[in-house]
């Protein structure tokens, strides 16, 4: 599975968390930080611009927000783990490994 596909899968996971019933504070973090970060990274990965700082920055922004989510509810740990893996894979792609 490509990095792009993994980002797409993580977008779907994040979107599932905001389906009703969802906590409004969690939905706000997902809509304001997680999804925009993933979309930013996806845009550059889609055109194979792995070296663009926006890839790492977007994934890192999403990860920071996901950590805040886990502070409020441990059910978001899976999202944090996915984002950590994406960051690692983005680094490998950036280096051409």
N, C-alpha and C. Protein backbone atom coordinates (compact mmCIF):
# COMPACT_ATOMS: atom_id res chain seq x y z
N UNK A 1 0.86 -1.18 0.00
CA UNK A 1 0.00 0.00 0.00
C UNK A 1 0.90 1.24 0.00
N UNK A 2 0.57 2.18 -0.85
CA UNK A 2 1.39 3.39 -0.97
C UNK A 2 1.13 4.34 0.20
N UNK A 3 2.03 5.30 0.37
CA UNK A 3 1.88 6.30 1.40
C UNK A 3 0.59 7.09 1.18
N UNK A 4 0.29 7.39 -0.06
CA UNK A 4 -0.95 8.10 -0.38
C UNK A 4 -2.16 7.30 0.10
N UNK A 5 -2.18 6.00 -0.20
CA UNK A 5 -3.29 5.15 0.20
C UNK A 5 -3.42 5.08 1.73
N UNK A 6 -2.30 5.06 2.41
CA UNK A 6 -2.32 5.01 3.87
C UNK A 6 -2.86 6.31 4.46
N UNK A 7 -2.52 7.42 3.83
CA UNK A 7 -3.08 8.70 4.28
C UNK A 7 -4.59 8.71 4.05
N UNK A 8 -5.03 8.23 2.89
CA UNK A 8 -6.45 8.16 2.59
C UNK A 8 -7.19 7.30 3.62
N UNK A 9 -6.60 6.19 3.97
CA UNK A 9 -7.20 5.29 4.97
C UNK A 9 -7.31 5.99 6.33
N UNK A 10 -6.28 6.74 6.68
CA UNK A 10 -6.29 7.46 7.96
C UNK A 10 -7.33 8.59 7.94
N UNK A 11 -7.52 9.21 6.81
CA UNK A 11 -8.58 10.22 6.67
C UNK A 11 -9.93 9.57 6.97
N UNK A 12 -10.17 8.38 6.40
CA UNK A 12 -11.44 7.69 6.64
C UNK A 12 -11.61 7.34 8.12
N UNK A 13 -10.54 6.90 8.76
CA UNK A 13 -10.60 6.59 10.19
C UNK A 13 -10.97 7.83 10.98
N UNK A 14 -10.31 8.94 10.69
CA UNK A 14 -10.59 10.20 11.40
C UNK A 14 -12.03 10.64 11.15
N UNK A 15 -12.50 10.51 9.92
CA UNK A 15 -13.87 10.91 9.61
C UNK A 15 -14.88 10.03 10.35
N UNK A 16 -14.54 8.76 10.55
CA UNK A 16 -15.44 7.88 11.31
C UNK A 16 -15.63 8.36 12.74
N UNK A 17 -14.61 8.97 13.30
CA UNK A 17 -14.71 9.47 14.68
C UNK A 17 -15.67 10.65 14.82
N UNK A 18 -15.94 11.35 13.74
CA UNK A 18 -16.82 12.51 13.84
C UNK A 18 -18.26 12.22 13.42
N UNK A 19 -18.52 10.98 13.10
CA UNK A 19 -19.90 10.59 12.80
C UNK A 19 -20.70 10.59 14.10
N UNK A 20 -21.95 11.00 14.01
CA UNK A 20 -22.78 11.01 15.23
C UNK A 20 -22.92 9.61 15.81
N UNK A 21 -22.99 9.45 17.08
CA UNK A 21 -22.78 10.50 18.07
C UNK A 21 -21.29 10.70 18.31
N UNK A 22 -20.85 11.91 18.31
CA UNK A 22 -19.45 12.20 18.58
C UNK A 22 -19.38 13.38 19.55
N UNK A 23 -18.28 13.43 20.28
CA UNK A 23 -18.07 14.55 21.20
C UNK A 23 -17.74 15.79 20.39
N UNK A 24 -18.36 16.91 20.74
CA UNK A 24 -18.13 18.13 19.96
C UNK A 24 -16.69 18.62 20.06
N UNK A 25 -16.06 18.46 21.24
CA UNK A 25 -14.67 18.89 21.39
C UNK A 25 -13.76 18.04 20.50
N UNK A 26 -14.05 16.75 20.41
CA UNK A 26 -13.23 15.86 19.58
C UNK A 26 -13.46 16.17 18.10
N UNK A 27 -14.70 16.36 17.72
CA UNK A 27 -15.01 16.68 16.33
C UNK A 27 -14.33 17.97 15.91
N UNK A 28 -14.31 18.95 16.81
CA UNK A 28 -13.65 20.22 16.49
C UNK A 28 -12.16 20.02 16.24
N UNK A 29 -11.50 19.25 17.10
CA UNK A 29 -10.07 19.00 16.90
C UNK A 29 -9.82 18.24 15.60
N UNK A 30 -10.67 17.29 15.31
CA UNK A 30 -10.49 16.51 14.08
C UNK A 30 -10.70 17.39 12.86
N UNK A 31 -11.78 18.18 12.85
CA UNK A 31 -12.06 19.06 11.71
C UNK A 31 -11.05 20.20 11.58
N UNK A 32 -10.56 20.72 12.70
CA UNK A 32 -9.68 21.89 12.66
C UNK A 32 -8.21 21.55 12.48
N UNK A 33 -7.77 20.37 12.94
CA UNK A 33 -6.34 20.06 12.92
C UNK A 33 -5.99 18.73 12.26
N UNK A 34 -6.70 17.67 12.63
CA UNK A 34 -6.33 16.35 12.11
C UNK A 34 -6.56 16.28 10.60
N UNK A 35 -7.77 16.52 10.18
CA UNK A 35 -8.08 16.40 8.75
C UNK A 35 -7.30 17.41 7.89
N UNK A 36 -7.22 18.70 8.28
CA UNK A 36 -6.41 19.61 7.45
C UNK A 36 -4.94 19.18 7.34
N UNK A 37 -4.39 18.67 8.43
CA UNK A 37 -3.00 18.19 8.39
C UNK A 37 -2.84 17.02 7.43
N UNK A 38 -3.80 16.09 7.48
CA UNK A 38 -3.75 14.95 6.56
C UNK A 38 -3.94 15.39 5.12
N UNK A 39 -4.86 16.32 4.88
CA UNK A 39 -5.09 16.81 3.52
C UNK A 39 -3.87 17.53 2.97
N UNK A 40 -3.20 18.29 3.83
CA UNK A 40 -1.98 18.99 3.40
C UNK A 40 -0.92 17.99 2.98
N UNK A 41 -0.69 16.99 3.81
CA UNK A 41 0.32 15.98 3.48
C UNK A 41 -0.08 15.22 2.23
N UNK A 42 -1.34 14.86 2.13
CA UNK A 42 -1.82 14.08 0.99
C UNK A 42 -1.61 14.82 -0.33
N UNK A 43 -1.84 16.12 -0.31
CA UNK A 43 -1.70 16.92 -1.53
C UNK A 43 -0.28 16.81 -2.09
N UNK A 44 0.72 16.88 -1.23
CA UNK A 44 2.11 16.81 -1.69
C UNK A 44 2.53 15.38 -2.02
N UNK A 45 2.04 14.42 -1.26
CA UNK A 45 2.37 13.02 -1.53
C UNK A 45 1.77 12.60 -2.86
N UNK A 46 0.58 13.09 -3.16
CA UNK A 46 -0.09 12.73 -4.40
C UNK A 46 0.75 13.08 -5.62
N UNK A 47 1.47 14.19 -5.56
CA UNK A 47 2.32 14.59 -6.68
C UNK A 47 3.79 14.21 -6.45
N UNK A 48 3.99 13.32 -5.49
CA UNK A 48 5.32 12.74 -5.18
C UNK A 48 6.35 13.78 -4.74
N UNK A 49 5.90 14.80 -4.04
CA UNK A 49 6.79 15.83 -3.48
C UNK A 49 7.09 15.46 -2.02
N UNK A 50 7.73 14.32 -1.83
CA UNK A 50 7.98 13.80 -0.48
C UNK A 50 8.92 14.70 0.32
N UNK A 51 9.77 15.46 -0.37
CA UNK A 51 10.71 16.34 0.33
C UNK A 51 10.07 17.62 0.83
N UNK A 52 8.88 17.92 0.37
CA UNK A 52 8.22 19.16 0.78
C UNK A 52 7.99 19.15 2.29
N UNK A 53 8.37 20.23 2.97
CA UNK A 53 8.18 20.27 4.43
C UNK A 53 6.71 20.17 4.83
N UNK A 54 5.81 20.48 3.92
CA UNK A 54 4.39 20.41 4.22
C UNK A 54 3.91 18.99 4.51
N UNK A 55 4.61 17.99 3.98
CA UNK A 55 4.23 16.60 4.27
C UNK A 55 4.43 16.32 5.76
N UNK A 56 5.63 16.55 6.22
CA UNK A 56 5.92 16.30 7.64
C UNK A 56 5.12 17.23 8.54
N UNK A 57 5.06 18.50 8.18
CA UNK A 57 4.34 19.48 9.00
C UNK A 57 2.86 19.11 9.14
N UNK A 58 2.24 18.72 8.05
CA UNK A 58 0.83 18.35 8.09
C UNK A 58 0.59 17.13 8.96
N UNK A 59 1.43 16.11 8.79
CA UNK A 59 1.28 14.90 9.60
C UNK A 59 1.56 15.18 11.06
N UNK A 60 2.54 16.04 11.32
CA UNK A 60 2.87 16.37 12.71
C UNK A 60 1.74 17.15 13.36
N UNK A 61 1.13 18.07 12.62
CA UNK A 61 0.00 18.83 13.15
C UNK A 61 -1.15 17.88 13.50
N UNK A 62 -1.42 16.93 12.62
CA UNK A 62 -2.47 15.95 12.87
C UNK A 62 -2.14 15.09 14.09
N UNK A 63 -0.88 14.71 14.22
CA UNK A 63 -0.46 13.89 15.36
C UNK A 63 -0.60 14.63 16.67
N UNK A 64 -0.21 15.89 16.70
CA UNK A 64 -0.35 16.68 17.93
C UNK A 64 -1.81 16.77 18.35
N UNK A 65 -2.70 16.99 17.40
CA UNK A 65 -4.12 17.06 17.72
C UNK A 65 -4.63 15.71 18.20
N UNK A 66 -4.16 14.64 17.59
CA UNK A 66 -4.59 13.30 18.01
C UNK A 66 -4.13 13.01 19.44
N UNK A 67 -2.95 13.49 19.81
CA UNK A 67 -2.49 13.33 21.19
C UNK A 67 -3.43 14.06 22.15
N UNK A 68 -3.90 15.24 21.77
CA UNK A 68 -4.86 15.95 22.60
C UNK A 68 -6.16 15.16 22.74
N UNK A 69 -6.54 14.50 21.66
CA UNK A 69 -7.75 13.67 21.72
C UNK A 69 -7.59 12.53 22.72
N UNK A 70 -6.42 11.91 22.72
CA UNK A 70 -6.22 10.78 23.64
C UNK A 70 -6.16 11.25 25.09
N UNK A 71 -5.78 12.51 25.31
CA UNK A 71 -5.82 13.04 26.67
C UNK A 71 -7.25 13.04 27.20
N UNK A 72 -8.22 13.26 26.31
CA UNK A 72 -9.62 13.30 26.71
C UNK A 72 -10.30 11.95 26.65
N UNK A 73 -9.81 11.06 25.79
CA UNK A 73 -10.45 9.76 25.62
C UNK A 73 -9.45 8.80 24.96
N UNK A 74 -9.15 7.67 25.62
CA UNK A 74 -8.16 6.74 25.07
C UNK A 74 -8.60 6.02 23.79
N UNK A 75 -9.84 6.19 23.37
CA UNK A 75 -10.28 5.50 22.15
C UNK A 75 -9.56 6.02 20.89
N UNK A 76 -8.87 7.15 21.02
CA UNK A 76 -8.17 7.74 19.87
C UNK A 76 -6.73 7.26 19.73
N UNK A 77 -6.31 6.33 20.57
CA UNK A 77 -4.92 5.83 20.52
C UNK A 77 -4.60 5.22 19.16
N UNK A 78 -5.56 4.52 18.57
CA UNK A 78 -5.34 3.92 17.25
C UNK A 78 -5.02 4.98 16.19
N UNK A 79 -5.67 6.12 16.28
CA UNK A 79 -5.41 7.21 15.36
C UNK A 79 -4.00 7.76 15.57
N UNK A 80 -3.60 7.90 16.82
CA UNK A 80 -2.24 8.35 17.13
C UNK A 80 -1.22 7.39 16.53
N UNK A 81 -1.44 6.10 16.70
CA UNK A 81 -0.51 5.11 16.17
C UNK A 81 -0.43 5.17 14.65
N UNK A 82 -1.55 5.32 14.00
CA UNK A 82 -1.55 5.44 12.53
C UNK A 82 -0.74 6.65 12.09
N UNK A 83 -0.93 7.76 12.78
CA UNK A 83 -0.22 8.98 12.41
C UNK A 83 1.28 8.86 12.66
N UNK A 84 1.67 8.20 13.73
CA UNK A 84 3.10 7.96 13.97
C UNK A 84 3.71 7.15 12.84
N UNK A 85 3.01 6.11 12.42
CA UNK A 85 3.51 5.27 11.33
C UNK A 85 3.59 6.08 10.04
N UNK A 86 2.59 6.92 9.79
CA UNK A 86 2.63 7.76 8.59
C UNK A 86 3.83 8.70 8.60
N UNK A 87 4.10 9.29 9.74
CA UNK A 87 5.27 10.18 9.85
C UNK A 87 6.55 9.42 9.54
N UNK A 88 6.67 8.22 10.07
CA UNK A 88 7.86 7.41 9.82
C UNK A 88 7.97 7.05 8.34
N UNK A 89 6.87 6.64 7.75
CA UNK A 89 6.89 6.26 6.34
C UNK A 89 7.14 7.48 5.44
N UNK A 90 6.64 8.62 5.83
CA UNK A 90 6.91 9.84 5.07
C UNK A 90 8.40 10.18 5.11
N UNK A 91 9.02 9.94 6.26
CA UNK A 91 10.47 10.18 6.36
C UNK A 91 11.24 9.22 5.47
N UNK A 92 10.84 7.97 5.44
CA UNK A 92 11.49 7.01 4.54
C UNK A 92 11.32 7.41 3.08
N UNK A 93 10.11 7.85 2.73
CA UNK A 93 9.85 8.28 1.36
C UNK A 93 10.67 9.51 1.01
N UNK A 94 10.81 10.43 1.97
CA UNK A 94 11.59 11.65 1.75
C UNK A 94 13.05 11.31 1.45
N UNK A 95 13.58 10.34 2.18
CA UNK A 95 14.98 9.94 1.98
C UNK A 95 15.16 8.99 0.81
N UNK A 96 14.04 8.48 0.28
CA UNK A 96 14.14 7.56 -0.84
C UNK A 96 14.47 6.15 -0.44
N UNK A 97 14.22 5.80 0.82
CA UNK A 97 14.49 4.43 1.30
C UNK A 97 13.50 3.44 0.74
